[in-house]
Protein backbone atom coordinates (compact mmCIF):
# COMPACT_ATOMS: atom_id res chain seq x y z
CA MET A 1 108.27 -6.45 15.53
CA ALA A 2 109.63 -4.14 12.89
CA SER A 3 113.38 -4.95 11.85
CA ILE A 4 115.15 -1.83 12.03
CA ALA A 5 118.89 -1.14 10.89
CA VAL A 6 121.16 1.74 10.52
CA CYS A 7 123.50 2.22 7.57
CA PRO A 8 126.10 4.85 8.72
CA GLY A 9 128.63 6.78 6.60
CA SER A 10 130.38 9.89 6.11
CA PHE A 11 128.64 10.21 2.55
CA ASP A 12 130.54 13.09 1.60
CA PRO A 13 129.10 13.09 -0.98
CA ILE A 14 126.82 10.10 -1.26
CA THR A 15 127.15 8.19 -4.48
CA TYR A 16 125.50 5.59 -6.62
CA GLY A 17 127.52 2.95 -4.73
CA HIS A 18 125.73 3.96 -1.56
CA LEU A 19 122.64 4.31 -3.09
CA ASP A 20 123.04 0.69 -4.36
CA ILE A 21 123.52 -0.64 -0.66
CA ILE A 22 120.59 1.98 0.78
CA SER A 23 118.23 0.55 -1.85
CA ARG A 24 118.95 -2.86 -1.28
CA GLY A 25 119.26 -2.48 2.70
CA ALA A 26 116.10 -0.89 2.70
CA LYS A 27 114.28 -4.04 1.11
CA VAL A 28 115.58 -6.26 3.70
CA PHE A 29 114.65 -4.42 6.73
CA ASP A 30 111.09 -2.74 7.63
CA ASN A 31 113.33 0.95 8.36
CA LEU A 32 116.65 1.72 7.40
CA PHE A 33 118.43 4.93 9.38
CA ILE A 34 121.07 6.44 7.23
CA VAL A 35 123.34 7.83 9.75
CA VAL A 36 125.80 10.73 8.60
CA LEU A 37 128.82 10.56 11.10
CA ASN A 38 131.61 12.96 11.00
CA ASN A 39 134.59 11.49 10.60
CA SER A 40 137.13 13.17 12.43
CA SER A 41 140.04 11.42 10.60
CA LYS A 42 138.68 13.32 7.19
CA LYS A 43 138.31 16.73 6.36
CA PRO A 44 134.72 17.01 4.68
CA LEU A 45 133.68 19.12 1.83
CA PHE A 46 129.93 19.26 2.83
CA SER A 47 128.86 20.03 6.24
CA VAL A 48 126.84 17.43 8.14
CA GLU A 49 123.52 19.51 7.25
CA GLU A 50 124.23 19.65 3.58
CA ARG A 51 125.13 15.90 3.30
CA ILE A 52 121.55 15.19 5.19
CA GLN A 53 119.96 17.31 2.86
CA LEU A 54 121.57 15.71 -0.52
CA ILE A 55 120.96 12.02 1.17
CA GLN A 56 117.38 13.12 1.94
CA GLU A 57 116.66 14.47 -1.50
CA VAL A 58 118.26 11.50 -3.34
CA THR A 59 116.43 8.78 -1.22
CA LYS A 60 113.09 10.55 -1.12
CA ASP A 61 111.66 7.71 -3.08
CA ILE A 62 112.48 5.02 -0.79
CA PRO A 63 109.78 5.39 2.06
CA ASN A 64 111.46 3.34 4.66
CA VAL A 65 114.88 5.39 4.73
CA VAL A 66 115.39 8.26 7.33
CA VAL A 67 118.03 10.37 7.89
CA ASP A 68 120.12 11.31 10.54
CA SER A 69 123.24 12.34 12.07
CA PHE A 70 125.13 11.22 15.13
CA GLN A 71 128.09 11.72 17.30
CA GLY A 72 129.37 9.17 19.32
CA LEU A 73 129.41 5.28 19.51
CA LEU A 74 127.21 3.81 16.77
CA VAL A 75 125.88 1.11 18.69
CA ASP A 76 124.50 3.63 21.10
CA TYR A 77 122.84 5.41 18.26
CA ALA A 78 121.72 1.94 17.17
CA LYS A 79 120.44 1.11 20.61
CA ASN A 80 118.38 4.47 20.83
CA VAL A 81 116.82 4.26 17.78
CA GLY A 82 115.88 0.25 18.44
CA ALA A 83 118.07 -1.08 15.45
CA ASP A 84 119.37 -4.45 15.66
CA ALA A 85 121.34 -4.21 12.87
CA ILE A 86 124.10 -2.47 11.20
CA ILE A 87 124.65 -2.58 7.42
CA ARG A 88 127.95 -2.16 6.26
CA GLY A 89 128.94 -1.66 2.24
CA LEU A 90 131.94 -3.34 0.88
CA ARG A 91 133.39 -2.59 -2.49
CA ALA A 92 136.17 -4.76 -2.49
CA VAL A 93 138.78 -7.10 -0.47
CA SER A 94 140.78 -4.37 0.60
CA ASP A 95 137.51 -2.84 2.66
CA PHE A 96 137.24 -5.97 4.61
CA GLU A 97 140.08 -5.73 7.27
CA TYR A 98 138.53 -2.41 8.41
CA GLU A 99 135.16 -3.33 8.31
CA MET A 100 136.06 -6.51 10.41
CA GLN A 101 137.62 -4.35 12.91
CA ILE A 102 134.80 -2.12 13.38
CA THR A 103 132.24 -4.59 13.49
CA SER A 104 134.38 -6.88 16.14
CA MET A 105 134.47 -3.54 18.40
CA ASN A 106 130.70 -2.88 17.82
CA ARG A 107 130.17 -6.54 18.80
CA VAL A 108 132.23 -6.05 22.43
CA LEU A 109 130.38 -2.92 23.06
CA ASN A 110 127.04 -4.49 22.31
CA GLU A 111 126.79 -8.20 21.30
CA GLU A 112 123.09 -7.53 20.47
CA ILE A 113 123.08 -5.67 17.33
CA GLU A 114 124.46 -7.83 14.43
CA THR A 115 126.34 -6.28 11.63
CA PHE A 116 125.21 -7.43 7.79
CA PHE A 117 127.90 -6.66 4.79
CA ILE A 118 126.19 -5.89 1.20
CA MET A 119 128.52 -6.29 -1.47
CA THR A 120 128.27 -3.24 -4.01
CA ASN A 121 126.94 -3.76 -7.27
CA ASN A 122 130.42 -4.83 -9.69
CA GLN A 123 129.98 -1.72 -11.66
CA TYR A 124 130.72 0.48 -8.51
CA SER A 125 133.41 -1.40 -6.87
CA PHE A 126 135.89 1.34 -7.70
CA LEU A 127 133.53 4.12 -6.89
CA SER A 128 134.32 6.39 -3.34
CA SER A 129 133.51 10.09 -2.32
CA SER A 130 137.21 11.09 -2.37
CA ILE A 131 137.28 9.85 -6.31
CA VAL A 132 134.13 11.47 -7.07
CA LYS A 133 135.51 14.64 -5.45
CA GLU A 134 138.75 14.87 -7.14
CA VAL A 135 137.25 14.32 -10.56
CA ALA A 136 134.44 16.92 -9.64
CA LYS A 137 137.17 19.32 -8.68
CA TYR A 138 138.83 19.45 -12.22
CA ASP A 139 135.22 19.57 -13.95
CA GLY A 140 135.14 15.80 -15.01
CA ASP A 141 132.22 14.26 -15.89
CA ILE A 142 130.65 12.48 -12.77
CA SER A 143 126.85 12.14 -13.99
CA GLU A 144 127.42 8.05 -13.97
CA LEU A 145 128.88 8.06 -10.29
CA VAL A 146 126.79 10.59 -8.43
CA PRO A 147 122.82 11.70 -8.67
CA LYS A 148 122.10 14.71 -10.59
CA ALA A 149 121.71 17.14 -6.91
CA VAL A 150 124.90 15.69 -5.88
CA GLU A 151 126.46 16.55 -9.08
CA ASP A 152 125.18 20.20 -9.08
CA ALA A 153 126.06 20.34 -5.40
CA LEU A 154 129.54 19.56 -6.29
CA LYS A 155 129.44 22.03 -8.90
CA VAL A 156 128.66 24.76 -7.05
CA LYS A 157 131.23 23.76 -3.83
CA PHE A 158 134.16 23.71 -6.46
CA LYS A 159 133.04 26.77 -8.08
CA SER A 160 133.12 28.97 -4.91
């Protein structure tokens, strides 16, 4: 039986920190669904469709990755695709309390789906999509933070 995991996020935009978690998760699970969620508490720069397109572009060399979107409960999505695991990335201790709350609620909703935390590489521990957008907005160098396709997409967004 194939192992299937779901890796959710807003990915607005996807960064090298996200890609670190994705590539490592893809080595552990047979199939990895990258799920773009529309976080109602955030105002996204990129549409869900644009984020999906960027993620597909930068993960095209990882054969067991599928990119999708979903609205609703993550555990429902995971169940629908046959996933038995959720992957969450942690950058620092400050992420843990929030992630623990989400994981605890998911466990109440469906105790058959396990959550696995992957610590990001230390070089990305400070990195967030918000920081990338802020630096890109003022034409700062983000080439070491995001893939070229994302860098180009951000330049287009901030020129318009």
